[in-house]
Amino acid sequence: MSATKTTLPDEQERKTGRRANPAIDGPRDNTVCFMLSDGEKLAVDRLGFCMNITRSGLIANVIAEFVMASNGLKEGREAEKRLAAYLAACRQAVKQRGEIAAKFVVQERK
């Protein structure tokens, strides 16, 4: 007896894997790696907890606006304003959830 595999028509068109997405909260497939001290990593993790966003999403938000703000053109000034607004939102989130984050997000023991 031979086994046959049937596929549905829509399964043939389905794409898998990473996909391009320019949205800041979209999937990412371009990795940038850098080192953080244990304390810095803990601080980023706690801030991510407060903002309800992943570590990489938080860093991507900051870096994307920072790079755009570095050019002195009109778009750069607008990005600088968005970066300042994001910083204000982060401060507000830490004010509201910082104590909870300190309890739930703890440094990994080695």
N, C-alpha and C. Protein backbone atom coordinates (compact mmCIF):
# COMPACT_ATOMS: atom_id res chain seq x y z
N MET A 1 0.85 -1.17 0.00
CA MET A 1 0.00 0.00 0.00
C MET A 1 0.90 1.23 0.00
N SER A 2 0.62 2.17 -0.87
CA SER A 2 1.42 3.38 -0.92
C SER A 2 0.65 4.53 -0.30
N ALA A 3 1.38 5.40 0.34
CA ALA A 3 0.75 6.57 0.97
C ALA A 3 0.88 7.75 0.02
N THR A 4 -0.16 8.48 -0.11
CA THR A 4 -0.12 9.68 -0.95
C THR A 4 -0.39 10.89 -0.08
N LYS A 5 0.26 11.93 -0.42
CA LYS A 5 0.10 13.18 0.33
C LYS A 5 -0.75 14.12 -0.49
N THR A 6 -1.81 14.61 0.11
CA THR A 6 -2.65 15.57 -0.60
C THR A 6 -2.38 16.96 -0.05
N THR A 7 -2.41 17.91 -0.92
CA THR A 7 -2.24 19.30 -0.50
C THR A 7 -3.42 20.11 -0.97
N LEU A 8 -3.84 21.00 -0.14
CA LEU A 8 -4.91 21.90 -0.50
C LEU A 8 -4.37 23.00 -1.39
N PRO A 9 -5.21 23.56 -2.25
CA PRO A 9 -4.72 24.60 -3.17
C PRO A 9 -4.09 25.80 -2.45
N ASP A 10 -4.67 26.24 -1.34
CA ASP A 10 -4.11 27.41 -0.66
C ASP A 10 -2.79 27.08 0.03
N GLU A 11 -2.55 25.81 0.36
CA GLU A 11 -1.28 25.44 0.97
C GLU A 11 -0.12 25.58 -0.01
N GLN A 12 -0.39 25.41 -1.29
CA GLN A 12 0.64 25.51 -2.30
C GLN A 12 1.13 26.95 -2.44
N GLU A 13 0.27 27.91 -2.15
CA GLU A 13 0.62 29.32 -2.30
C GLU A 13 1.15 29.92 -1.01
N ARG A 14 1.03 29.22 0.08
CA ARG A 14 1.44 29.75 1.38
C ARG A 14 2.96 29.88 1.43
N LYS A 15 3.43 31.01 1.87
CA LYS A 15 4.87 31.23 2.01
C LYS A 15 5.24 31.12 3.47
N THR A 16 6.41 30.56 3.71
CA THR A 16 6.87 30.41 5.09
C THR A 16 8.18 31.15 5.26
N GLY A 17 8.61 31.26 6.48
CA GLY A 17 9.88 31.90 6.76
C GLY A 17 9.74 33.39 6.98
N ARG A 18 10.86 34.07 7.01
CA ARG A 18 10.89 35.51 7.26
C ARG A 18 10.37 36.27 6.06
N ARG A 19 9.79 37.40 6.33
CA ARG A 19 9.29 38.24 5.25
C ARG A 19 9.67 39.69 5.53
N ALA A 20 9.82 40.43 4.48
CA ALA A 20 10.17 41.84 4.65
C ALA A 20 9.01 42.58 5.28
N ASN A 21 9.29 43.40 6.27
CA ASN A 21 8.25 44.19 6.92
C ASN A 21 8.90 45.47 7.44
N PRO A 22 8.62 46.60 6.81
CA PRO A 22 9.26 47.84 7.23
C PRO A 22 8.71 48.40 8.54
N ALA A 23 7.61 47.86 9.03
CA ALA A 23 7.02 48.36 10.27
C ALA A 23 7.95 48.08 11.45
N ILE A 24 8.06 49.00 12.35
CA ILE A 24 8.98 48.89 13.48
C ILE A 24 8.63 47.69 14.37
N ASP A 25 7.36 47.32 14.45
CA ASP A 25 6.95 46.20 15.29
C ASP A 25 6.86 44.89 14.51
N GLY A 26 7.22 44.93 13.22
CA GLY A 26 7.13 43.74 12.39
C GLY A 26 8.28 42.79 12.62
N PRO A 27 8.20 41.62 11.99
CA PRO A 27 9.28 40.64 12.15
C PRO A 27 10.61 41.18 11.62
N ARG A 28 11.67 40.77 12.22
CA ARG A 28 12.99 41.25 11.85
C ARG A 28 13.84 40.09 11.38
N ASP A 29 14.60 40.32 10.33
CA ASP A 29 15.51 39.29 9.87
C ASP A 29 16.92 39.82 9.64
N ASN A 30 17.16 41.04 10.00
CA ASN A 30 18.50 41.63 9.89
C ASN A 30 19.05 41.83 11.29
N THR A 31 19.86 40.90 11.72
CA THR A 31 20.36 40.90 13.09
C THR A 31 21.53 41.86 13.24
N VAL A 32 21.50 42.63 14.31
CA VAL A 32 22.63 43.46 14.73
C VAL A 32 22.95 43.02 16.14
N CYS A 33 24.19 42.68 16.37
CA CYS A 33 24.58 42.15 17.67
C CYS A 33 25.53 43.12 18.35
N PHE A 34 25.33 43.33 19.63
CA PHE A 34 26.26 44.11 20.43
C PHE A 34 26.20 43.62 21.86
N MET A 35 27.19 43.98 22.62
CA MET A 35 27.32 43.46 23.97
C MET A 35 26.78 44.47 24.99
N LEU A 36 26.15 43.93 26.03
CA LEU A 36 25.69 44.72 27.17
C LEU A 36 26.23 44.06 28.43
N SER A 37 26.48 44.87 29.42
CA SER A 37 26.84 44.30 30.72
C SER A 37 25.58 43.65 31.30
N ASP A 38 25.76 42.86 32.33
CA ASP A 38 24.60 42.23 32.97
C ASP A 38 23.61 43.26 33.48
N GLY A 39 24.13 44.34 34.06
CA GLY A 39 23.26 45.39 34.57
C GLY A 39 22.50 46.11 33.47
N GLU A 40 23.18 46.37 32.36
CA GLU A 40 22.52 47.03 31.23
C GLU A 40 21.43 46.13 30.63
N LYS A 41 21.73 44.85 30.49
CA LYS A 41 20.75 43.91 29.95
C LYS A 41 19.53 43.84 30.87
N LEU A 42 19.76 43.80 32.16
CA LEU A 42 18.66 43.77 33.11
C LEU A 42 17.81 45.04 32.98
N ALA A 43 18.46 46.19 32.84
CA ALA A 43 17.73 47.45 32.70
C ALA A 43 16.89 47.46 31.42
N VAL A 44 17.44 46.96 30.33
CA VAL A 44 16.69 46.90 29.06
C VAL A 44 15.51 45.94 29.20
N ASP A 45 15.73 44.79 29.84
CA ASP A 45 14.65 43.83 30.04
C ASP A 45 13.53 44.42 30.91
N ARG A 46 13.90 45.12 31.95
CA ARG A 46 12.88 45.75 32.81
C ARG A 46 12.12 46.84 32.07
N LEU A 47 12.83 47.63 31.28
CA LEU A 47 12.16 48.67 30.51
C LEU A 47 11.23 48.04 29.47
N GLY A 48 11.68 46.96 28.83
CA GLY A 48 10.83 46.24 27.89
C GLY A 48 9.57 45.72 28.56
N PHE A 49 9.72 45.21 29.80
CA PHE A 49 8.57 44.76 30.58
C PHE A 49 7.60 45.92 30.81
N CYS A 50 8.15 47.06 31.20
CA CYS A 50 7.31 48.23 31.47
C CYS A 50 6.59 48.72 30.22
N MET A 51 7.26 48.64 29.08
CA MET A 51 6.69 49.12 27.81
C MET A 51 5.87 48.05 27.10
N ASN A 52 5.90 46.81 27.64
CA ASN A 52 5.19 45.69 27.03
C ASN A 52 5.67 45.45 25.59
N ILE A 53 7.00 45.36 25.44
CA ILE A 53 7.61 45.15 24.13
C ILE A 53 8.86 44.30 24.34
N THR A 54 9.26 43.60 23.32
CA THR A 54 10.46 42.77 23.44
C THR A 54 11.71 43.64 23.54
N ARG A 55 12.77 43.02 24.01
CA ARG A 55 14.06 43.71 24.11
C ARG A 55 14.48 44.26 22.75
N SER A 56 14.42 43.42 21.72
CA SER A 56 14.84 43.86 20.39
C SER A 56 13.92 44.93 19.83
N GLY A 57 12.63 44.84 20.12
CA GLY A 57 11.69 45.87 19.66
C GLY A 57 11.98 47.22 20.31
N LEU A 58 12.26 47.19 21.59
CA LEU A 58 12.60 48.42 22.32
C LEU A 58 13.85 49.07 21.74
N ILE A 59 14.89 48.26 21.56
CA ILE A 59 16.15 48.78 21.02
C ILE A 59 15.96 49.26 19.59
N ALA A 60 15.18 48.53 18.79
CA ALA A 60 14.93 48.94 17.41
C ALA A 60 14.21 50.28 17.35
N ASN A 61 13.25 50.50 18.24
CA ASN A 61 12.55 51.79 18.28
C ASN A 61 13.53 52.93 18.52
N VAL A 62 14.41 52.74 19.47
CA VAL A 62 15.38 53.78 19.82
C VAL A 62 16.37 54.01 18.68
N ILE A 63 16.95 52.94 18.18
CA ILE A 63 17.98 53.05 17.16
C ILE A 63 17.43 53.65 15.87
N ALA A 64 16.27 53.20 15.44
CA ALA A 64 15.69 53.70 14.18
C ALA A 64 15.49 55.21 14.25
N GLU A 65 14.92 55.69 15.34
CA GLU A 65 14.68 57.13 15.46
C GLU A 65 15.99 57.89 15.65
N PHE A 66 16.93 57.32 16.40
CA PHE A 66 18.22 57.97 16.62
C PHE A 66 18.96 58.17 15.31
N VAL A 67 18.99 57.13 14.49
CA VAL A 67 19.69 57.23 13.20
C VAL A 67 19.01 58.26 12.31
N MET A 68 17.68 58.26 12.27
CA MET A 68 16.97 59.25 11.47
C MET A 68 17.22 60.67 12.00
N ALA A 69 17.29 60.81 13.32
CA ALA A 69 17.50 62.13 13.92
C ALA A 69 18.90 62.65 13.68
N SER A 70 19.83 61.77 13.36
CA SER A 70 21.21 62.21 13.19
C SER A 70 21.42 63.09 11.97
N ASN A 71 20.52 62.98 10.98
CA ASN A 71 20.65 63.93 9.87
C ASN A 71 19.92 65.20 10.26
N GLY A 72 20.47 66.32 9.94
CA GLY A 72 19.95 67.59 10.42
C GLY A 72 18.79 68.14 9.62
N LEU A 73 18.29 67.38 8.69
CA LEU A 73 17.21 67.85 7.84
C LEU A 73 15.88 67.85 8.58
N LYS A 74 14.84 68.26 7.89
CA LYS A 74 13.51 68.33 8.50
C LYS A 74 13.08 66.97 9.04
N GLU A 75 13.34 65.90 8.27
CA GLU A 75 13.00 64.56 8.73
C GLU A 75 13.76 64.20 10.01
N GLY A 76 14.99 64.67 10.10
CA GLY A 76 15.80 64.42 11.29
C GLY A 76 15.24 65.10 12.52
N ARG A 77 14.78 66.31 12.35
CA ARG A 77 14.20 67.03 13.49
C ARG A 77 12.88 66.38 13.93
N GLU A 78 12.12 65.88 12.95
CA GLU A 78 10.88 65.19 13.30
C GLU A 78 11.18 63.88 14.04
N ALA A 79 12.21 63.17 13.58
CA ALA A 79 12.62 61.93 14.26
C ALA A 79 13.11 62.23 15.67
N GLU A 80 13.81 63.35 15.83
CA GLU A 80 14.28 63.74 17.17
C GLU A 80 13.10 63.99 18.10
N LYS A 81 12.05 64.59 17.58
CA LYS A 81 10.85 64.81 18.38
C LYS A 81 10.18 63.48 18.75
N ARG A 82 10.14 62.55 17.79
CA ARG A 82 9.57 61.23 18.08
C ARG A 82 10.42 60.49 19.11
N LEU A 83 11.73 60.64 19.02
CA LEU A 83 12.64 60.00 19.99
C LEU A 83 12.41 60.58 21.38
N ALA A 84 12.26 61.88 21.46
CA ALA A 84 11.99 62.52 22.76
C ALA A 84 10.63 62.08 23.31
N ALA A 85 9.64 61.94 22.43
CA ALA A 85 8.32 61.47 22.87
C ALA A 85 8.39 60.02 23.34
N TYR A 86 9.20 59.20 22.69
CA TYR A 86 9.36 57.81 23.10
C TYR A 86 10.05 57.73 24.46
N LEU A 87 11.04 58.57 24.66
CA LEU A 87 11.71 58.64 25.96
C LEU A 87 10.72 59.03 27.05
N ALA A 88 9.88 60.00 26.77
CA ALA A 88 8.86 60.40 27.74
C ALA A 88 7.90 59.25 28.04
N ALA A 89 7.52 58.50 27.01
CA ALA A 89 6.63 57.36 27.19
C ALA A 89 7.32 56.28 28.04
N CYS A 90 8.60 56.07 27.80
CA CYS A 90 9.37 55.09 28.59
C CYS A 90 9.43 55.53 30.05
N ARG A 91 9.68 56.80 30.28
CA ARG A 91 9.74 57.30 31.66
C ARG A 91 8.40 57.11 32.37
N GLN A 92 7.32 57.37 31.66
CA GLN A 92 5.99 57.22 32.23
C GLN A 92 5.71 55.75 32.54
N ALA A 93 6.11 54.86 31.64
CA ALA A 93 5.90 53.42 31.85
C ALA A 93 6.70 52.93 33.05
N VAL A 94 7.93 53.40 33.20
CA VAL A 94 8.75 53.01 34.35
C VAL A 94 8.14 53.54 35.63
N LYS A 95 7.61 54.74 35.58
CA LYS A 95 6.97 55.32 36.76
C LYS A 95 5.77 54.47 37.18
N GLN A 96 5.01 53.98 36.20
CA GLN A 96 3.82 53.19 36.50
C GLN A 96 4.12 51.74 36.85
N ARG A 97 5.09 51.13 36.16
CA ARG A 97 5.30 49.68 36.31
C ARG A 97 6.70 49.29 36.78
N GLY A 98 7.53 50.26 37.11
CA GLY A 98 8.91 49.97 37.47
C GLY A 98 9.07 49.06 38.67
N GLU A 99 8.26 49.27 39.68
CA GLU A 99 8.36 48.44 40.88
C GLU A 99 7.96 46.99 40.58
N ILE A 100 6.94 46.82 39.77
CA ILE A 100 6.51 45.47 39.38
C ILE A 100 7.61 44.80 38.55
N ALA A 101 8.20 45.56 37.62
CA ALA A 101 9.27 45.01 36.77
C ALA A 101 10.44 44.55 37.62
N ALA A 102 10.77 45.32 38.65
CA ALA A 102 11.89 44.95 39.52
C ALA A 102 11.63 43.63 40.26
N LYS A 103 10.37 43.33 40.52
CA LYS A 103 10.03 42.09 41.21
C LYS A 103 10.02 40.90 40.24
N PHE A 104 9.54 41.11 39.02
CA PHE A 104 9.36 40.01 38.09
C PHE A 104 10.54 39.78 37.15
N VAL A 105 11.26 40.82 36.81
CA VAL A 105 12.39 40.68 35.89
C VAL A 105 13.65 40.78 36.73
N VAL A 106 14.25 39.64 36.98
CA VAL A 106 15.43 39.59 37.84
C VAL A 106 16.63 39.11 37.04
N GLN A 107 17.79 39.42 37.55
CA GLN A 107 19.03 39.04 36.87
C GLN A 107 19.21 37.52 36.92
N GLU A 108 19.63 36.95 35.80
CA GLU A 108 19.85 35.52 35.74
C GLU A 108 21.05 35.15 36.61
N ARG A 109 20.91 34.05 37.30
CA ARG A 109 22.03 33.55 38.11
C ARG A 109 22.89 32.65 37.26
N LYS A 110 24.18 32.78 37.44
CA LYS A 110 25.11 31.99 36.64
C LYS A 110 25.62 30.81 37.40
